[in-house]
PDB file of N, CA and C in Angstrom:
ATOM      1  N   MET A   1       0.841  -1.191   0.000  1.00  0.00           N
ATOM      2  CA  MET A   1       0.000   0.000   0.000  1.00  0.00           C
ATOM      3  C   MET A   1       0.882   1.249   0.000  1.00  0.00           C
ATOM      4  N   LEU A   2       0.545   2.187  -0.839  1.00  0.00           N
ATOM      5  CA  LEU A   2       1.280   3.443  -0.893  1.00  0.00           C
ATOM      6  C   LEU A   2       0.910   4.314   0.300  1.00  0.00           C
ATOM      7  N   LYS A   3       1.938   4.842   0.969  1.00  0.00           N
ATOM      8  CA  LYS A   3       1.735   5.758   2.092  1.00  0.00           C
ATOM      9  C   LYS A   3       2.488   7.041   1.777  1.00  0.00           C
ATOM     10  N   PHE A   4       1.881   8.167   2.108  1.00  0.00           N
ATOM     11  CA  PHE A   4       2.444   9.459   1.732  1.00  0.00           C
ATOM     12  C   PHE A   4       2.636  10.364   2.938  1.00  0.00           C
ATOM     13  N   LEU A   5       3.613  11.266   2.808  1.00  0.00           N
ATOM     14  CA  LEU A   5       3.837  12.335   3.776  1.00  0.00           C
ATOM     15  C   LEU A   5       3.790  13.643   2.998  1.00  0.00           C
ATOM     16  N   ALA A   6       2.780  14.446   3.272  1.00  0.00           N
ATOM     17  CA  ALA A   6       2.633  15.734   2.595  1.00  0.00           C
ATOM     18  C   ALA A   6       3.455  16.789   3.326  1.00  0.00           C
ATOM     19  N   ASP A   7       4.345  17.427   2.600  1.00  0.00           N
ATOM     20  CA  ASP A   7       5.138  18.524   3.144  1.00  0.00           C
ATOM     21  C   ASP A   7       4.184  19.653   3.546  1.00  0.00           C
ATOM     22  N   GLU A   8       4.650  20.552   4.391  1.00  0.00           N
ATOM     23  CA  GLU A   8       3.775  21.634   4.855  1.00  0.00           C
ATOM     24  C   GLU A   8       3.361  22.580   3.731  1.00  0.00           C
ATOM     25  N   ASN A   9       4.073  22.558   2.607  1.00  0.00           N
ATOM     26  CA  ASN A   9       3.709  23.433   1.492  1.00  0.00           C
ATOM     27  C   ASN A   9       2.627  22.826   0.586  1.00  0.00           C
ATOM     28  N   VAL A  10       2.169  21.644   0.911  1.00  0.00           N
ATOM     29  CA  VAL A  10       1.070  21.012   0.167  1.00  0.00           C
ATOM     30  C   VAL A  10      -0.236  21.386   0.859  1.00  0.00           C
ATOM     31  N   ALA A  11      -1.140  21.973   0.114  1.00  0.00           N
ATOM     32  CA  ALA A  11      -2.406  22.455   0.685  1.00  0.00           C
ATOM     33  C   ALA A  11      -3.164  21.318   1.373  1.00  0.00           C
ATOM     34  N   TYR A  12      -3.768  21.644   2.506  1.00  0.00           N
ATOM     35  CA  TYR A  12      -4.507  20.638   3.259  1.00  0.00           C
ATOM     36  C   TYR A  12      -5.670  20.072   2.440  1.00  0.00           C
ATOM     37  N   ARG A  13      -6.227  20.852   1.537  1.00  0.00           N
ATOM     38  CA  ARG A  13      -7.297  20.341   0.659  1.00  0.00           C
ATOM     39  C   ARG A  13      -6.801  19.182  -0.199  1.00  0.00           C
ATOM     40  N   VAL A  14      -5.524  19.199  -0.565  1.00  0.00           N
ATOM     41  CA  VAL A  14      -4.946  18.091  -1.326  1.00  0.00           C
ATOM     42  C   VAL A  14      -4.891  16.847  -0.444  1.00  0.00           C
ATOM     43  N   VAL A  15      -4.446  17.012   0.795  1.00  0.00           N
ATOM     44  CA  VAL A  15      -4.394  15.897   1.751  1.00  0.00           C
ATOM     45  C   VAL A  15      -5.788  15.294   1.918  1.00  0.00           C
ATOM     46  N   GLU A  16      -6.775  16.140   2.122  1.00  0.00           N
ATOM     47  CA  GLU A  16      -8.153  15.663   2.296  1.00  0.00           C
ATOM     48  C   GLU A  16      -8.653  14.918   1.056  1.00  0.00           C
ATOM     49  N   ALA A  17      -8.349  15.436  -0.121  1.00  0.00           N
ATOM     50  CA  ALA A  17      -8.785  14.785  -1.363  1.00  0.00           C
ATOM     51  C   ALA A  17      -8.129  13.416  -1.527  1.00  0.00           C
ATOM     52  N   LEU A  18      -6.854  13.317  -1.169  1.00  0.00           N
ATOM     53  CA  LEU A  18      -6.169  12.026  -1.242  1.00  0.00           C
ATOM     54  C   LEU A  18      -6.807  11.027  -0.282  1.00  0.00           C
ATOM     55  N   ARG A  19      -7.121  11.473   0.907  1.00  0.00           N
ATOM     56  CA  ARG A  19      -7.774  10.588   1.882  1.00  0.00           C
ATOM     57  C   ARG A  19      -9.153  10.152   1.402  1.00  0.00           C
ATOM     58  N   LYS A  20      -9.861  11.051   0.784  1.00  0.00           N
ATOM     59  CA  LYS A  20     -11.188  10.714   0.253  1.00  0.00           C
ATOM     60  C   LYS A  20     -11.088   9.585  -0.774  1.00  0.00           C
ATOM     61  N   GLU A  21      -9.947   9.533  -1.468  1.00  0.00           N
ATOM     62  CA  GLU A  21      -9.690   8.470  -2.448  1.00  0.00           C
ATOM     63  C   GLU A  21      -9.035   7.250  -1.799  1.00  0.00           C
ATOM     64  N   LYS A  22      -8.998   7.231  -0.465  1.00  0.00           N
ATOM     65  CA  LYS A  22      -8.498   6.093   0.333  1.00  0.00           C
ATOM     66  C   LYS A  22      -6.979   5.954   0.345  1.00  0.00           C
ATOM     67  N   PHE A  23      -6.252   7.032   0.057  1.00  0.00           N
ATOM     68  CA  PHE A  23      -4.803   7.002   0.195  1.00  0.00           C
ATOM     69  C   PHE A  23      -4.439   7.259   1.653  1.00  0.00           C
ATOM     70  N   ASN A  24      -3.389   6.605   2.117  1.00  0.00           N
ATOM     71  CA  ASN A  24      -2.890   6.776   3.477  1.00  0.00           C
ATOM     72  C   ASN A  24      -1.937   7.978   3.461  1.00  0.00           C
ATOM     73  N   VAL A  25      -2.383   9.098   4.018  1.00  0.00           N
ATOM     74  CA  VAL A  25      -1.606  10.342   3.965  1.00  0.00           C
ATOM     75  C   VAL A  25      -1.440  10.919   5.361  1.00  0.00           C
ATOM     76  N   SER A  26      -0.195  11.216   5.691  1.00  0.00           N
ATOM     77  CA  SER A  26       0.139  11.955   6.902  1.00  0.00           C
ATOM     78  C   SER A  26       0.634  13.321   6.430  1.00  0.00           C
ATOM     79  N   SER A  27       0.566  14.322   7.302  1.00  0.00           N
ATOM     80  CA  SER A  27       1.032  15.640   6.860  1.00  0.00           C
ATOM     81  C   SER A  27       1.857  16.331   7.934  1.00  0.00           C
ATOM     82  N   ILE A  28       2.847  17.065   7.475  1.00  0.00           N
ATOM     83  CA  ILE A  28       3.678  17.868   8.373  1.00  0.00           C
ATOM     84  C   ILE A  28       2.790  18.866   9.103  1.00  0.00           C
ATOM     85  N   TYR A  29       1.803  19.406   8.422  1.00  0.00           N
ATOM     86  CA  TYR A  29       0.868  20.360   9.022  1.00  0.00           C
ATOM     87  C   TYR A  29       0.152  19.741  10.219  1.00  0.00           C
ATOM     88  N   GLU A  30      -0.399  18.552  10.042  1.00  0.00           N
ATOM     89  CA  GLU A  30      -1.124  17.894  11.135  1.00  0.00           C
ATOM     90  C   GLU A  30      -0.208  17.506  12.284  1.00  0.00           C
ATOM     91  N   LYS A  31       1.024  17.182  11.961  1.00  0.00           N
ATOM     92  CA  LYS A  31       1.994  16.811  12.998  1.00  0.00           C
ATOM     93  C   LYS A  31       2.529  18.045  13.725  1.00  0.00           C
ATOM     94  N   LYS A  32       2.137  19.226  13.233  1.00  0.00           N
ATOM     95  CA  LYS A  32       2.581  20.499  13.807  1.00  0.00           C
ATOM     96  C   LYS A  32       4.111  20.614  13.831  1.00  0.00           C
ATOM     97  N   LEU A  33       4.717  20.183  12.738  1.00  0.00           N
ATOM     98  CA  LEU A  33       6.170  20.235  12.607  1.00  0.00           C
ATOM     99  C   LEU A  33       6.590  21.351  11.650  1.00  0.00           C
ATOM    100  N   PHE A  34       5.904  22.474  11.759  1.00  0.00           N
ATOM    101  CA  PHE A  34       6.154  23.615  10.877  1.00  0.00           C
ATOM    102  C   PHE A  34       7.624  24.030  10.914  1.00  0.00           C
ATOM    103  N   GLY A  35       8.182  24.267   9.740  1.00  0.00           N
ATOM    104  CA  GLY A  35       9.537  24.808   9.654  1.00  0.00           C
ATOM    105  C   GLY A  35      10.652  23.805   9.869  1.00  0.00           C
ATOM    106  N   ILE A  36      10.345  22.508   9.988  1.00  0.00           N
ATOM    107  CA  ILE A  36      11.445  21.559  10.174  1.00  0.00           C
ATOM    108  C   ILE A  36      12.233  21.446   8.875  1.00  0.00           C
ATOM    109  N   SER A  37      13.462  21.014   9.002  1.00  0.00           N
ATOM    110  CA  SER A  37      14.347  20.940   7.841  1.00  0.00           C
ATOM    111  C   SER A  37      13.904  19.829   6.891  1.00  0.00           C
ATOM    112  N   ASP A  38      14.308  19.972   5.647  1.00  0.00           N
ATOM    113  CA  ASP A  38      14.023  18.936   4.655  1.00  0.00           C
ATOM    114  C   ASP A  38      14.666  17.613   5.063  1.00  0.00           C
ATOM    115  N   GLU A  39      15.835  17.687   5.689  1.00  0.00           N
ATOM    116  CA  GLU A  39      16.512  16.475   6.153  1.00  0.00           C
ATOM    117  C   GLU A  39      15.651  15.732   7.172  1.00  0.00           C
ATOM    118  N   ARG A  40      15.025  16.474   8.085  1.00  0.00           N
ATOM    119  CA  ARG A  40      14.153  15.834   9.085  1.00  0.00           C
ATOM    120  C   ARG A  40      12.895  15.267   8.442  1.00  0.00           C
ATOM    121  N   ILE A  41      12.381  15.943   7.435  1.00  0.00           N
ATOM    122  CA  ILE A  41      11.209  15.417   6.722  1.00  0.00           C
ATOM    123  C   ILE A  41      11.575  14.104   6.033  1.00  0.00           C
ATOM    124  N   LEU A  42      12.731  14.074   5.385  1.00  0.00           N
ATOM    125  CA  LEU A  42      13.187  12.855   4.717  1.00  0.00           C
ATOM    126  C   LEU A  42      13.374  11.725   5.727  1.00  0.00           C
ATOM    127  N   LYS A  43      13.951  12.045   6.876  1.00  0.00           N
ATOM    128  CA  LYS A  43      14.152  11.036   7.929  1.00  0.00           C
ATOM    129  C   LYS A  43      12.809  10.502   8.423  1.00  0.00           C
ATOM    130  N   LEU A  44      11.870  11.390   8.673  1.00  0.00           N
ATOM    131  CA  LEU A  44      10.541  10.998   9.131  1.00  0.00           C
ATOM    132  C   LEU A  44       9.851  10.107   8.093  1.00  0.00           C
ATOM    133  N   ALA A  45       9.946  10.485   6.836  1.00  0.00           N
ATOM    134  CA  ALA A  45       9.335   9.685   5.768  1.00  0.00           C
ATOM    135  C   ALA A  45       9.965   8.295   5.703  1.00  0.00           C
ATOM    136  N   ARG A  46      11.282   8.226   5.871  1.00  0.00           N
ATOM    137  CA  ARG A  46      11.951   6.913   5.880  1.00  0.00           C
ATOM    138  C   ARG A  46      11.470   6.071   7.049  1.00  0.00           C
ATOM    139  N   GLU A  47      11.410   6.677   8.246  1.00  0.00           N
ATOM    140  CA  GLU A  47      10.977   5.946   9.443  1.00  0.00           C
ATOM    141  C   GLU A  47       9.554   5.418   9.294  1.00  0.00           C
ATOM    142  N   GLU A  48       8.683   6.206   8.673  1.00  0.00           N
ATOM    143  CA  GLU A  48       7.277   5.820   8.521  1.00  0.00           C
ATOM    144  C   GLU A  48       7.000   5.116   7.193  1.00  0.00           C
ATOM    145  N   LYS A  49       8.069   4.912   6.399  1.00  0.00           N
ATOM    146  CA  LYS A  49       7.948   4.260   5.088  1.00  0.00           C
ATOM    147  C   LYS A  49       6.908   4.961   4.206  1.00  0.00           C
ATOM    148  N   ARG A  50       7.104   6.273   4.066  1.00  0.00           N
ATOM    149  CA  ARG A  50       6.178   7.104   3.298  1.00  0.00           C
ATOM    150  C   ARG A  50       6.887   7.765   2.118  1.00  0.00           C
ATOM    151  N   ILE A  51       6.105   8.081   1.114  1.00  0.00           N
ATOM    152  CA  ILE A  51       6.556   8.823  -0.060  1.00  0.00           C
ATOM    153  C   ILE A  51       6.241  10.295   0.195  1.00  0.00           C
ATOM    154  N   ILE A  52       7.218  11.153   0.008  1.00  0.00           N
ATOM    155  CA  ILE A  52       7.037  12.586   0.249  1.00  0.00           C
ATOM    156  C   ILE A  52       6.345  13.232  -0.954  1.00  0.00           C
ATOM    157  N   ILE A  53       5.361  14.071  -0.669  1.00  0.00           N
ATOM    158  CA  ILE A  53       4.738  14.925  -1.689  1.00  0.00           C
ATOM    159  C   ILE A  53       5.083  16.362  -1.316  1.00  0.00           C
ATOM    160  N   THR A  54       5.682  17.095  -2.240  1.00  0.00           N
ATOM    161  CA  THR A  54       6.162  18.441  -1.927  1.00  0.00           C
ATOM    162  C   THR A  54       6.164  19.344  -3.158  1.00  0.00           C
ATOM    163  N   HIS A  55       6.228  20.635  -2.899  1.00  0.00           N
ATOM    164  CA  HIS A  55       6.464  21.632  -3.948  1.00  0.00           C
ATOM    165  C   HIS A  55       7.922  22.109  -3.891  1.00  0.00           C
ATOM    166  N   ASP A  56       8.694  21.617  -2.937  1.00  0.00           N
ATOM    167  CA  ASP A  56      10.043  22.094  -2.642  1.00  0.00           C
ATOM    168  C   ASP A  56      11.084  21.366  -3.490  1.00  0.00           C
ATOM    169  N   LYS A  57      11.651  22.072  -4.473  1.00  0.00           N
ATOM    170  CA  LYS A  57      12.615  21.433  -5.367  1.00  0.00           C
ATOM    171  C   LYS A  57      13.947  21.117  -4.701  1.00  0.00           C
ATOM    172  N   ASP A  58      14.181  21.607  -3.487  1.00  0.00           N
ATOM    173  CA  ASP A  58      15.413  21.267  -2.773  1.00  0.00           C
ATOM    174  C   ASP A  58      15.516  19.769  -2.485  1.00  0.00           C
ATOM    175  N   PHE A  59      14.395  19.076  -2.453  1.00  0.00           N
ATOM    176  CA  PHE A  59      14.435  17.634  -2.214  1.00  0.00           C
ATOM    177  C   PHE A  59      15.175  16.902  -3.321  1.00  0.00           C
ATOM    178  N   GLY A  60      15.175  17.441  -4.520  1.00  0.00           N
ATOM    179  CA  GLY A  60      15.886  16.808  -5.628  1.00  0.00           C
ATOM    180  C   GLY A  60      17.362  16.638  -5.335  1.00  0.00           C
ATOM    181  N   SER A  61      17.998  17.680  -4.835  1.00  0.00           N
ATOM    182  CA  SER A  61      19.421  17.582  -4.510  1.00  0.00           C
ATOM    183  C   SER A  61      19.642  16.842  -3.197  1.00  0.00           C
ATOM    184  N   LEU A  62      18.719  16.965  -2.276  1.00  0.00           N
ATOM    185  CA  LEU A  62      18.860  16.314  -0.968  1.00  0.00           C
ATOM    186  C   LEU A  62      18.924  14.797  -1.104  1.00  0.00           C
ATOM    187  N   ILE A  63      18.088  14.221  -1.935  1.00  0.00           N
ATOM    188  CA  ILE A  63      18.053  12.759  -2.030  1.00  0.00           C
ATOM    189  C   ILE A  63      19.157  12.186  -2.911  1.00  0.00           C
ATOM    190  N   HIS A  64      19.819  13.026  -3.695  1.00  0.00           N
ATOM    191  CA  HIS A  64      20.854  12.529  -4.594  1.00  0.00           C
ATOM    192  C   HIS A  64      22.278  12.862  -4.164  1.00  0.00           C
ATOM    193  N   GLN A  65      22.481  13.772  -3.221  1.00  0.00           N
ATOM    194  CA  GLN A  65      23.840  14.181  -2.855  1.00  0.00           C
ATOM    195  C   GLN A  65      23.990  14.286  -1.355  1.00  0.00           C
ATOM    196  N   PRO A  66      24.585  13.348  -0.641  1.00  0.00           N
ATOM    197  CA  PRO A  66      24.895  12.006  -1.142  1.00  0.00           C
ATOM    198  C   PRO A  66      23.622  11.191  -1.287  1.00  0.00           C
ATOM    199  N   TYR A  67      23.674  10.186  -2.115  1.00  0.00           N
ATOM    200  CA  TYR A  67      22.490   9.377  -2.385  1.00  0.00           C
ATOM    201  C   TYR A  67      21.984   8.751  -1.091  1.00  0.00           C
ATOM    202  N   GLN A  68      20.685   8.838  -0.864  1.00  0.00           N
ATOM    203  CA  GLN A  68      20.063   8.257   0.325  1.00  0.00           C
ATOM    204  C   GLN A  68      18.881   7.397  -0.099  1.00  0.00           C
ATOM    205  N   LEU A  69      18.724   6.260   0.562  1.00  0.00           N
ATOM    206  CA  LEU A  69      17.552   5.427   0.313  1.00  0.00           C
ATOM    207  C   LEU A  69      16.330   6.118   0.897  1.00  0.00           C
ATOM    208  N   HIS A  70      15.218   6.021   0.196  1.00  0.00           N
ATOM    209  CA  HIS A  70      13.990   6.682   0.639  1.00  0.00           C
ATOM    210  C   HIS A  70      12.810   6.048  -0.072  1.00  0.00           C
ATOM    211  N   GLY A  71      11.621   6.362   0.390  1.00  0.00           N
ATOM    212  CA  GLY A  71      10.407   5.801  -0.201  1.00  0.00           C
ATOM    213  C   GLY A  71      10.046   6.422  -1.532  1.00  0.00           C
ATOM    214  N   GLY A  72      10.615   7.578  -1.814  1.00  0.00           N
ATOM    215  CA  GLY A  72      10.319   8.309  -3.038  1.00  0.00           C
ATOM    216  C   GLY A  72       9.899   9.731  -2.716  1.00  0.00           C
ATOM    217  N   VAL A  73      10.077  10.603  -3.680  1.00  0.00           N
ATOM    218  CA  VAL A  73       9.667  12.001  -3.540  1.00  0.00           C
ATOM    219  C   VAL A  73       8.895  12.385  -4.796  1.00  0.00           C
ATOM    220  N   ILE A  74       7.698  12.912  -4.596  1.00  0.00           N
ATOM    221  CA  ILE A  74       6.906  13.450  -5.699  1.00  0.00           C
ATOM    222  C   ILE A  74       7.006  14.966  -5.614  1.00  0.00           C
ATOM    223  N   LEU A  75       7.681  15.547  -6.590  1.00  0.00           N
ATOM    224  CA  LEU A  75       7.902  16.988  -6.641  1.00  0.00           C
ATOM    225  C   LEU A  75       6.873  17.609  -7.576  1.00  0.00           C
ATOM    226  N   LEU A  76       5.992  18.398  -7.017  1.00  0.00           N
ATOM    227  CA  LEU A  76       4.916  19.041  -7.780  1.00  0.00           C
ATOM    228  C   LEU A  76       5.431  20.345  -8.381  1.00  0.00           C
ATOM    229  N   ARG A  77       5.615  20.366  -9.693  1.00  0.00           N
ATOM    230  CA  ARG A  77       6.129  21.547 -10.396  1.00  0.00           C
ATOM    231  C   ARG A  77       5.102  22.054 -11.403  1.00  0.00           C
ATOM    232  N   LEU A  78       3.842  22.009 -11.019  1.00  0.00           N
ATOM    233  CA  LEU A  78       2.773  22.478 -11.897  1.00  0.00           C
ATOM    234  C   LEU A  78       2.804  23.997 -11.987  1.00  0.00           C
ATOM    235  N   LYS A  79       2.513  24.539 -13.155  1.00  0.00           N
ATOM    236  CA  LYS A  79       2.454  25.997 -13.302  1.00  0.00           C
ATOM    237  C   LYS A  79       1.347  26.574 -12.438  1.00  0.00           C
ATOM    238  N   ASN A  80       0.214  25.900 -12.425  1.00  0.00           N
ATOM    239  CA  ASN A  80      -0.904  26.297 -11.567  1.00  0.00           C
ATOM    240  C   ASN A  80      -0.889  25.374 -10.350  1.00  0.00           C
ATOM    241  N   GLN A  81      -0.407  25.883  -9.218  1.00  0.00           N
ATOM    242  CA  GLN A  81      -0.244  25.073  -8.007  1.00  0.00           C
ATOM    243  C   GLN A  81      -1.484  25.095  -7.114  1.00  0.00           C
ATOM    244  N   SER A  82      -2.615  25.543  -7.640  1.00  0.00           N
ATOM    245  CA  SER A  82      -3.833  25.576  -6.826  1.00  0.00           C
ATOM    246  C   SER A  82      -4.189  24.157  -6.387  1.00  0.00           C
ATOM    247  N   PRO A  83      -4.815  24.017  -5.218  1.00  0.00           N
ATOM    248  CA  PRO A  83      -5.198  22.680  -4.757  1.00  0.00           C
ATOM    249  C   PRO A  83      -6.017  21.909  -5.798  1.00  0.00           C
ATOM    250  N   GLN A  84      -6.955  22.588  -6.456  1.00  0.00           N
ATOM    251  CA  GLN A  84      -7.791  21.908  -7.451  1.00  0.00           C
ATOM    252  C   GLN A  84      -6.951  21.330  -8.589  1.00  0.00           C
ATOM    253  N   ASN A  85      -5.977  22.086  -9.052  1.00  0.00           N
ATOM    254  CA  ASN A  85      -5.136  21.624 -10.150  1.00  0.00           C
ATOM    255  C   ASN A  85      -4.226  20.482  -9.710  1.00  0.00           C
ATOM    256  N   VAL A  86      -3.650  20.598  -8.519  1.00  0.00           N
ATOM    257  CA  VAL A  86      -2.807  19.523  -7.989  1.00  0.00           C
ATOM    258  C   VAL A  86      -3.630  18.239  -7.884  1.00  0.00           C
ATOM    259  N   ILE A  87      -4.821  18.330  -7.328  1.00  0.00           N
ATOM    260  CA  ILE A  87      -5.705  17.169  -7.180  1.00  0.00           C
ATOM    261  C   ILE A  87      -6.037  16.575  -8.553  1.00  0.00           C
ATOM    262  N   PHE A  88      -6.357  17.435  -9.511  1.00  0.00           N
ATOM    263  CA  PHE A  88      -6.732  16.997 -10.858  1.00  0.00           C
ATOM    264  C   PHE A  88      -5.644  16.128 -11.495  1.00  0.00           C
ATOM    265  N   TYR A  89      -4.380  16.513 -11.336  1.00  0.00           N
ATOM    266  CA  TYR A  89      -3.276  15.775 -11.944  1.00  0.00           C
ATOM    267  C   TYR A  89      -2.757  14.638 -11.068  1.00  0.00           C
ATOM    268  N   LEU A  90      -2.701  14.858  -9.767  1.00  0.00           N
ATOM    269  CA  LEU A  90      -2.036  13.911  -8.873  1.00  0.00           C
ATOM    270  C   LEU A  90      -2.830  12.630  -8.646  1.00  0.00           C
ATOM    271  N   ILE A  91      -4.112  12.726  -8.391  1.00  0.00           N
ATOM    272  CA  ILE A  91      -4.889  11.534  -8.041  1.00  0.00           C
ATOM    273  C   ILE A  91      -4.883  10.482  -9.162  1.00  0.00           C
ATOM    274  N   PRO A  92      -5.142  10.832 -10.408  1.00  0.00           N
ATOM    275  CA  PRO A  92      -5.079   9.788 -11.453  1.00  0.00           C
ATOM    276  C   PRO A  92      -3.693   9.141 -11.560  1.00  0.00           C
ATOM    277  N   PHE A  93      -2.649   9.951 -11.386  1.00  0.00           N
ATOM    278  CA  PHE A  93      -1.289   9.408 -11.429  1.00  0.00           C
ATOM    279  C   PHE A  93      -1.090   8.392 -10.311  1.00  0.00           C
ATOM    280  N   LEU A  94      -1.461   8.755  -9.092  1.00  0.00           N
ATOM    281  CA  LEU A  94      -1.253   7.867  -7.948  1.00  0.00           C
ATOM    282  C   LEU A  94      -2.079   6.591  -8.054  1.00  0.00           C
ATOM    283  N   LYS A  95      -3.244   6.679  -8.647  1.00  0.00           N
ATOM    284  CA  LYS A  95      -4.083   5.481  -8.816  1.00  0.00           C
ATOM    285  C   LYS A  95      -3.444   4.476  -9.773  1.00  0.00           C
ATOM    286  N   GLY A  96      -2.595   4.950 -10.669  1.00  0.00           N
ATOM    287  CA  GLY A  96      -2.015   4.063 -11.670  1.00  0.00           C
ATOM    288  C   GLY A  96      -0.570   3.666 -11.437  1.00  0.00           C
ATOM    289  N   ILE A  97       0.069   4.192 -10.408  1.00  0.00           N
ATOM    290  CA  ILE A  97       1.500   3.949 -10.208  1.00  0.00           C
ATOM    291  C   ILE A  97       1.732   2.796  -9.234  1.00  0.00           C
ATOM    292  N   LYS A  98       2.803   2.071  -9.446  1.00  0.00           N
ATOM    293  CA  LYS A  98       3.213   1.004  -8.534  1.00  0.00           C
ATOM    294  C   LYS A  98       4.381   1.519  -7.699  1.00  0.00           C
ATOM    295  N   ILE A  99       4.467   1.033  -6.461  1.00  0.00           N
ATOM    296  CA  ILE A  99       5.478   1.542  -5.530  1.00  0.00           C
ATOM    297  C   ILE A  99       6.896   1.359  -6.060  1.00  0.00           C
ATOM    298  N   ASP A 100       7.160   0.277  -6.788  1.00  0.00           N
ATOM    299  CA  ASP A 100       8.519   0.056  -7.279  1.00  0.00           C
ATOM    300  C   ASP A 100       8.946   1.091  -8.321  1.00  0.00           C
ATOM    301  N   ARG A 101       8.005   1.812  -8.898  1.00  0.00           N
ATOM    302  CA  ARG A 101       8.336   2.888  -9.839  1.00  0.00           C
ATOM    303  C   ARG A 101       8.745   4.167  -9.111  1.00  0.00           C
ATOM    304  N   ILE A 102       8.364   4.286  -7.833  1.00  0.00           N
ATOM    305  CA  ILE A 102       8.620   5.505  -7.069  1.00  0.00           C
ATOM    306  C   ILE A 102       9.754   5.327  -6.063  1.00  0.00           C
ATOM    307  N   LYS A 103       9.884   4.146  -5.488  1.00  0.00           N
ATOM    308  CA  LYS A 103      10.854   3.920  -4.412  1.00  0.00           C
ATOM    309  C   LYS A 103      12.254   4.352  -4.837  1.00  0.00           C
ATOM    310  N   ASN A 104      12.886   5.150  -3.983  1.00  0.00           N
ATOM    311  CA  ASN A 104      14.237   5.688  -4.201  1.00  0.00           C
ATOM    312  C   ASN A 104      14.336   6.568  -5.448  1.00  0.00           C
ATOM    313  N   ARG A 105      13.216   7.116  -5.874  1.00  0.00           N
ATOM    314  CA  ARG A 105      13.193   7.952  -7.073  1.00  0.00           C
ATOM    315  C   ARG A 105      12.605   9.324  -6.782  1.00  0.00           C
ATOM    316  N   LEU A 106      12.935  10.239  -7.653  1.00  0.00           N
ATOM    317  CA  LEU A 106      12.334  11.565  -7.651  1.00  0.00           C
ATOM    318  C   LEU A 106      11.374  11.610  -8.830  1.00  0.00           C
ATOM    319  N   VAL A 107      10.108  11.894  -8.545  1.00  0.00           N
ATOM    320  CA  VAL A 107       9.094  12.014  -9.586  1.00  0.00           C
ATOM    321  C   VAL A 107       8.803  13.502  -9.751  1.00  0.00           C
ATOM    322  N   VAL A 108       9.171  14.057 -10.886  1.00  0.00           N
ATOM    323  CA  VAL A 108       8.927  15.473 -11.160  1.00  0.00           C
ATOM    324  C   VAL A 108       7.640  15.555 -11.972  1.00  0.00           C
ATOM    325  N   PHE A 109       6.687  16.225 -11.398  1.00  0.00           N
ATOM    326  CA  PHE A 109       5.316  16.224 -11.888  1.00  0.00           C
ATOM    327  C   PHE A 109       4.988  17.580 -12.489  1.00  0.00           C
ATOM    328  N   GLN A 110       4.768  17.622 -13.813  1.00  0.00           N
ATOM    329  CA  GLN A 110       4.408  18.852 -14.509  1.00  0.00           C
ATOM    330  C   GLN A 110       3.191  18.586 -15.388  1.00  0.00           C
ATOM    331  N   GLU A 111       2.504  19.657 -15.806  1.00  0.00           N
ATOM    332  CA  GLU A 111       1.386  19.486 -16.724  1.00  0.00           C
ATOM    333  C   GLU A 111       1.872  18.773 -17.981  1.00  0.00           C
ATOM    334  N   GLY A 112       1.236  17.666 -18.303  1.00  0.00           N
ATOM    335  CA  GLY A 112       1.558  16.954 -19.527  1.00  0.00           C
ATOM    336  C   GLY A 112       2.877  16.213 -19.527  1.00  0.00           C
ATOM    337  N   LYS A 113       3.589  16.199 -18.401  1.00  0.00           N
ATOM    338  CA  LYS A 113       4.900  15.553 -18.387  1.00  0.00           C
ATOM    339  C   LYS A 113       5.230  15.077 -16.976  1.00  0.00           C
ATOM    340  N   ILE A 114       5.643  13.830 -16.883  1.00  0.00           N
ATOM    341  CA  ILE A 114       6.091  13.270 -15.606  1.00  0.00           C
ATOM    342  C   ILE A 114       7.450  12.638 -15.858  1.00  0.00           C
ATOM    343  N   ARG A 115       8.440  13.065 -15.076  1.00  0.00           N
ATOM    344  CA  ARG A 115       9.782  12.480 -15.186  1.00  0.00           C
ATOM    345  C   ARG A 115      10.066  11.703 -13.917  1.00  0.00           C
ATOM    346  N   ILE A 116      10.541  10.479 -14.065  1.00  0.00           N
ATOM    347  CA  ILE A 116      10.944   9.666 -12.919  1.00  0.00           C
ATOM    348  C   ILE A 116      12.450   9.513 -13.008  1.00  0.00           C
ATOM    349  N   ILE A 117      13.130  10.083 -12.022  1.00  0.00           N
ATOM    350  CA  ILE A 117      14.599  10.149 -12.040  1.00  0.00           C
ATOM    351  C   ILE A 117      15.156   9.219 -10.969  1.00  0.00           C
TER     352      ILE A 117
END
């Protein structure tokens, strides 16, 4: 089962929409861990075996230098970052993806284009 950790920059409406679709989602916002470092978020996600969902492109360099094992990072780089737009693109993608495609990978999510690095 896919489990996710939403960074604090991911709108709570996105978290709620994912839960409505039966995804297991925890959030930095709900944990009241505002302002914690990306390193701590990555550590927490590893401990809880969760895939990070974020708008923060710093995770791209964090997971690759030095390389660290992780559940995966979904980097939302949509031009329109509104909750409705994120939900529109993200939910169909998550419904069709297998965990082995995301584990230890960075998924860069853009309108009309998804790169798995």
